[in-house]
C-alpha atoms as a PDB file:
ATOM      1  CA  UNK A   1       0.215  -0.480   0.072  1.00  0.00           C
ATOM      2  CA  UNK A   2       3.024   2.440   0.490  1.00  0.00           C
ATOM      3  CA  UNK A   3       4.845   1.588  -2.520  1.00  0.00           C
ATOM      4  CA  UNK A   4       1.573   2.242  -4.448  1.00  0.00           C
ATOM      5  CA  UNK A   5       0.933   5.605  -2.768  1.00  0.00           C
ATOM      6  CA  UNK A   6      -2.205   4.365  -0.976  1.00  0.00           C
ATOM      7  CA  UNK A   7      -1.035   5.210   2.580  1.00  0.00           C
ATOM      8  CA  UNK A   8       2.351   6.787   3.805  1.00  0.00           C
ATOM      9  CA  UNK A   9       2.551   4.164   6.595  1.00  0.00           C
ATOM     10  CA  UNK A  10       1.028   0.858   7.511  1.00  0.00           C
ATOM     11  CA  UNK A  11       1.063  -0.676  10.696  1.00  0.00           C
ATOM     12  CA  UNK A  12       0.944  -4.661  11.544  1.00  0.00           C
ATOM     13  CA  UNK A  13       0.273  -4.642  15.188  1.00  0.00           C
ATOM     14  CA  UNK A  14      -0.808  -8.176  15.678  1.00  0.00           C
ATOM     15  CA  UNK A  15       0.744 -11.353  16.705  1.00  0.00           C
ATOM     16  CA  UNK A  16       0.016 -14.304  14.599  1.00  0.00           C
ATOM     17  CA  UNK A  17      -2.755 -15.054  16.773  1.00  0.00           C
ATOM     18  CA  UNK A  18      -6.140 -14.907  14.350  1.00  0.00           C
ATOM     19  CA  UNK A  19      -8.521 -14.674  17.556  1.00  0.00           C
ATOM     20  CA  UNK A  20      -6.715 -12.297  18.739  1.00  0.00           C
ATOM     21  CA  UNK A  21      -6.654 -10.025  15.745  1.00  0.00           C
ATOM     22  CA  UNK A  22     -10.394 -10.587  15.511  1.00  0.00           C
ATOM     23  CA  UNK A  23     -11.139  -9.834  19.390  1.00  0.00           C
ATOM     24  CA  UNK A  24      -8.745  -6.851  18.911  1.00  0.00           C
ATOM     25  CA  UNK A  25     -10.535  -5.835  16.077  1.00  0.00           C
ATOM     26  CA  UNK A  26     -14.354  -5.878  17.861  1.00  0.00           C
ATOM     27  CA  UNK A  27     -13.385  -4.308  20.804  1.00  0.00           C
ATOM     28  CA  UNK A  28     -12.107  -1.254  18.732  1.00  0.00           C
ATOM     29  CA  UNK A  29     -12.026  -0.951  14.939  1.00  0.00           C
ATOM     30  CA  UNK A  30     -12.872  -3.685  11.883  1.00  0.00           C
ATOM     31  CA  UNK A  31     -10.403  -3.704   9.276  1.00  0.00           C
ATOM     32  CA  UNK A  32     -11.271  -5.491   6.233  1.00  0.00           C
ATOM     33  CA  UNK A  33      -8.721  -6.811   3.980  1.00  0.00           C
ATOM     34  CA  UNK A  34      -9.248  -8.775   0.242  1.00  0.00           C
ATOM     35  CA  UNK A  35      -6.639 -11.012  -0.922  1.00  0.00           C
ATOM     36  CA  UNK A  36      -5.648 -12.375  -4.108  1.00  0.00           C
ATOM     37  CA  UNK A  37      -2.502 -14.680  -4.621  1.00  0.00           C
ATOM     38  CA  UNK A  38      -1.346 -13.489  -1.201  1.00  0.00           C
ATOM     39  CA  UNK A  39      -1.610  -9.943  -2.290  1.00  0.00           C
ATOM     40  CA  UNK A  40      -3.586  -7.711  -0.996  1.00  0.00           C
ATOM     41  CA  UNK A  41      -5.989  -6.003  -3.604  1.00  0.00           C
ATOM     42  CA  UNK A  42      -8.658  -3.839  -1.480  1.00  0.00           C
ATOM     43  CA  UNK A  43      -8.979  -2.994   2.148  1.00  0.00           C
ATOM     44  CA  UNK A  44     -11.432  -0.979   4.382  1.00  0.00           C
ATOM     45  CA  UNK A  45     -12.517  -0.180   8.025  1.00  0.00           C
ATOM     46  CA  UNK A  46     -15.391   0.437   9.767  1.00  0.00           C
ATOM     47  CA  UNK A  47     -14.935   2.839  12.702  1.00  0.00           C
ATOM     48  CA  UNK A  48     -15.867   1.711  16.256  1.00  0.00           C
ATOM     49  CA  UNK A  49     -19.778   1.138  16.205  1.00  0.00           C
ATOM     50  CA  UNK A  50     -21.326   3.908  18.360  1.00  0.00           C
ATOM     51  CA  UNK A  51     -24.459   3.275  20.008  1.00  0.00           C
ATOM     52  CA  UNK A  52     -27.314   6.234  19.862  1.00  0.00           C
ATOM     53  CA  UNK A  53     -30.108   6.109  21.905  1.00  0.00           C
ATOM     54  CA  UNK A  54     -31.967   4.229  24.525  1.00  0.00           C
ATOM     55  CA  UNK A  55     -34.836   2.388  23.500  1.00  0.00           C
ATOM     56  CA  UNK A  56     -35.021   1.345  20.288  1.00  0.00           C
ATOM     57  CA  UNK A  57     -30.929   1.819  19.912  1.00  0.00           C
ATOM     58  CA  UNK A  58     -29.201   2.543  16.481  1.00  0.00           C
ATOM     59  CA  UNK A  59     -25.784   1.421  16.070  1.00  0.00           C
ATOM     60  CA  UNK A  60     -23.903   3.453  13.393  1.00  0.00           C
ATOM     61  CA  UNK A  61     -20.000   3.559  12.095  1.00  0.00           C
ATOM     62  CA  UNK A  62     -17.760   4.955  10.027  1.00  0.00           C
ATOM     63  CA  UNK A  63     -16.766   3.492   6.404  1.00  0.00           C
ATOM     64  CA  UNK A  64     -13.618   3.684   4.765  1.00  0.00           C
ATOM     65  CA  UNK A  65     -12.215   2.054   1.642  1.00  0.00           C
ATOM     66  CA  UNK A  66      -8.782   1.741  -0.388  1.00  0.00           C
ATOM     67  CA  UNK A  67      -7.533  -0.426  -3.210  1.00  0.00           C
ATOM     68  CA  UNK A  68      -4.749  -1.335  -4.876  1.00  0.00           C
ATOM     69  CA  UNK A  69      -3.991  -0.498  -8.775  1.00  0.00           C
ATOM     70  CA  UNK A  70      -4.039  -4.052  -9.871  1.00  0.00           C
ATOM     71  CA  UNK A  71      -7.584  -4.267  -8.397  1.00  0.00           C
ATOM     72  CA  UNK A  72     -10.356  -4.106 -10.962  1.00  0.00           C
ATOM     73  CA  UNK A  73     -13.733  -2.637 -10.608  1.00  0.00           C
ATOM     74  CA  UNK A  74     -15.294  -6.518 -10.045  1.00  0.00           C
ATOM     75  CA  UNK A  75     -12.763  -7.534  -7.212  1.00  0.00           C
ATOM     76  CA  UNK A  76     -13.425  -3.738  -5.713  1.00  0.00           C
ATOM     77  CA  UNK A  77     -17.263  -4.391  -5.724  1.00  0.00           C
ATOM     78  CA  UNK A  78     -16.773  -8.034  -4.389  1.00  0.00           C
ATOM     79  CA  UNK A  79     -14.431  -6.725  -1.519  1.00  0.00           C
ATOM     80  CA  UNK A  80     -17.104  -3.808  -0.972  1.00  0.00           C
ATOM     81  CA  UNK A  81     -20.172  -5.881  -0.344  1.00  0.00           C
ATOM     82  CA  UNK A  82     -18.016  -8.374   1.736  1.00  0.00           C
ATOM     83  CA  UNK A  83     -17.387  -5.829   4.039  1.00  0.00           C
ATOM     84  CA  UNK A  84     -20.817  -4.616   3.927  1.00  0.00           C
ATOM     85  CA  UNK A  85     -22.274  -8.051   4.723  1.00  0.00           C
ATOM     86  CA  UNK A  86     -19.444  -8.334   7.413  1.00  0.00           C
ATOM     87  CA  UNK A  87     -20.429  -4.574   8.796  1.00  0.00           C
ATOM     88  CA  UNK A  88     -24.292  -5.559   9.026  1.00  0.00           C
ATOM     89  CA  UNK A  89     -24.201  -9.021   9.868  1.00  0.00           C
ATOM     90  CA  UNK A  90     -20.973  -9.656  12.464  1.00  0.00           C
ATOM     91  CA  UNK A  91     -20.579  -6.436  13.810  1.00  0.00           C
ATOM     92  CA  UNK A  92     -24.486  -5.673  14.020  1.00  0.00           C
ATOM     93  CA  UNK A  93     -24.332  -2.227  12.818  1.00  0.00           C
ATOM     94  CA  UNK A  94     -27.606  -0.567  11.778  1.00  0.00           C
ATOM     95  CA  UNK A  95     -26.322   2.784   9.820  1.00  0.00           C
ATOM     96  CA  UNK A  96     -23.006   2.923   8.133  1.00  0.00           C
ATOM     97  CA  UNK A  97     -21.749   6.220   6.520  1.00  0.00           C
ATOM     98  CA  UNK A  98     -18.774   7.573   4.994  1.00  0.00           C
ATOM     99  CA  UNK A  99     -17.229  11.330   3.615  1.00  0.00           C
ATOM    100  CA  UNK A 100     -15.760  11.562   0.019  1.00  0.00           C
ATOM    101  CA  UNK A 101     -13.615  14.317  -1.452  1.00  0.00           C
ATOM    102  CA  UNK A 102     -15.984  15.677  -4.408  1.00  0.00           C
ATOM    103  CA  UNK A 103     -12.805  15.727  -6.879  1.00  0.00           C
ATOM    104  CA  UNK A 104     -12.123  11.878  -6.146  1.00  0.00           C
ATOM    105  CA  UNK A 105     -14.820  11.060  -8.902  1.00  0.00           C
ATOM    106  CA  UNK A 106     -13.751   6.871  -8.894  1.00  0.00           C
ATOM    107  CA  UNK A 107     -14.649   6.739  -4.846  1.00  0.00           C
ATOM    108  CA  UNK A 108     -17.553   8.491  -5.620  1.00  0.00           C
ATOM    109  CA  UNK A 109     -19.182   6.256  -8.506  1.00  0.00           C
ATOM    110  CA  UNK A 110     -17.516   3.133  -6.466  1.00  0.00           C
ATOM    111  CA  UNK A 111     -19.851   4.298  -3.535  1.00  0.00           C
ATOM    112  CA  UNK A 112     -22.750   4.818  -5.816  1.00  0.00           C
ATOM    113  CA  UNK A 113     -22.213   1.331  -7.105  1.00  0.00           C
ATOM    114  CA  UNK A 114     -22.320  -0.527  -3.555  1.00  0.00           C
ATOM    115  CA  UNK A 115     -25.708   1.551  -2.874  1.00  0.00           C
ATOM    116  CA  UNK A 116     -24.814   4.223  -0.965  1.00  0.00           C
ATOM    117  CA  UNK A 117     -27.219   7.364  -0.754  1.00  0.00           C
ATOM    118  CA  UNK A 118     -25.210  10.599  -1.985  1.00  0.00           C
ATOM    119  CA  UNK A 119     -25.545  13.902  -0.454  1.00  0.00           C
ATOM    120  CA  UNK A 120     -24.760  17.574  -1.459  1.00  0.00           C
ATOM    121  CA  UNK A 121     -21.118  18.462  -0.982  1.00  0.00           C
ATOM    122  CA  UNK A 122     -19.888  20.416   1.972  1.00  0.00           C
ATOM    123  CA  UNK A 123     -17.237  22.825   0.949  1.00  0.00           C
ATOM    124  CA  UNK A 124     -13.961  23.045   1.997  1.00  0.00           C
ATOM    125  CA  UNK A 125     -14.169  20.143   4.031  1.00  0.00           C
ATOM    126  CA  UNK A 126     -11.341  17.909   3.507  1.00  0.00           C
ATOM    127  CA  UNK A 127      -8.031  17.792   1.525  1.00  0.00           C
ATOM    128  CA  UNK A 128      -7.887  15.559  -1.410  1.00  0.00           C
ATOM    129  CA  UNK A 129      -4.367  15.447  -3.234  1.00  0.00           C
ATOM    130  CA  UNK A 130      -2.671  18.277  -1.193  1.00  0.00           C
ATOM    131  CA  UNK A 131      -5.781  20.651  -2.196  1.00  0.00           C
ATOM    132  CA  UNK A 132      -8.701  21.980   0.245  1.00  0.00           C
ATOM    133  CA  UNK A 133     -11.977  20.080  -1.316  1.00  0.00           C
ATOM    134  CA  UNK A 134     -15.105  19.783  -0.598  1.00  0.00           C
ATOM    135  CA  UNK A 135     -16.513  16.300   0.701  1.00  0.00           C
ATOM    136  CA  UNK A 136     -19.450  14.593  -0.101  1.00  0.00           C
ATOM    137  CA  UNK A 137     -21.497  12.350   2.436  1.00  0.00           C
ATOM    138  CA  UNK A 138     -22.483   8.972   2.097  1.00  0.00           C
ATOM    139  CA  UNK A 139     -24.682   6.231   3.486  1.00  0.00           C
ATOM    140  CA  UNK A 140     -26.590   3.346   3.619  1.00  0.00           C
ATOM    141  CA  UNK A 141     -28.814   1.129   6.637  1.00  0.00           C
ATOM    142  CA  UNK A 142     -28.867  -2.261   7.035  1.00  0.00           C
ATOM    143  CA  UNK A 143     -32.908  -2.011   5.791  1.00  0.00           C
ATOM    144  CA  UNK A 144     -31.467  -0.793   2.458  1.00  0.00           C
ATOM    145  CA  UNK A 145     -28.628  -3.400   2.120  1.00  0.00           C
ATOM    146  CA  UNK A 146     -30.654  -5.953   2.817  1.00  0.00           C
ATOM    147  CA  UNK A 147     -32.944  -5.218   0.012  1.00  0.00           C
ATOM    148  CA  UNK A 148     -30.172  -4.439  -2.398  1.00  0.00           C
ATOM    149  CA  UNK A 149     -28.786  -7.988  -0.901  1.00  0.00           C
ATOM    150  CA  UNK A 150     -32.357  -9.737  -2.276  1.00  0.00           C
ATOM    151  CA  UNK A 151     -32.421  -8.244  -5.549  1.00  0.00           C
ATOM    152  CA  UNK A 152     -28.784  -8.828  -6.105  1.00  0.00           C
ATOM    153  CA  UNK A 153     -29.541 -12.600  -5.178  1.00  0.00           C
ATOM    154  CA  UNK A 154     -32.629 -12.548  -7.381  1.00  0.00           C
ATOM    155  CA  UNK A 155     -30.773 -11.566 -10.280  1.00  0.00           C
ATOM    156  CA  UNK A 156     -28.081 -14.168  -9.906  1.00  0.00           C
ATOM    157  CA  UNK A 157     -31.106 -16.941  -9.539  1.00  0.00           C
ATOM    158  CA  UNK A 158     -32.912 -15.731 -12.336  1.00  0.00           C
ATOM    159  CA  UNK A 159     -29.865 -15.583 -14.609  1.00  0.00           C
ATOM    160  CA  UNK A 160     -28.474 -18.828 -13.847  1.00  0.00           C
ATOM    161  CA  UNK A 161     -32.239 -20.463 -15.072  1.00  0.00           C
ATOM    162  CA  UNK A 162     -32.543 -21.796 -18.098  1.00  0.00           C
END
């Protein structure tokens, strides 16, 4: 990720014990990595879920993605779908949101393809490639994701039928 310019530093602080890594990630934040031939091609994170209210409660978290240059659009979408499934099904998040620089057109298209709703940009909210930029907020609820999942699964079944 450093060589590809996707991150300035990458830290790996887990011992080679998957249970410890998973326990730690569930307590702090969820990091998702997608691998192909032992090479990371996509990764994302979900911030520590925050519970809002007492009854009924709403659990929300911030979502982020990053991909290596060798990742094609189909792999990126598959990785994103797996991450959304994991966030909603395993982490029990009800609502995910993210922010994307307005100038990052590829990331905006990606978020839309995953089904996130996009909201009006907030001016001068972030930096992108060294310049101050507007930021688009996006979100998806568990209910919306489940609807999209059902539609996709129904399409896969009908396309495989003779």
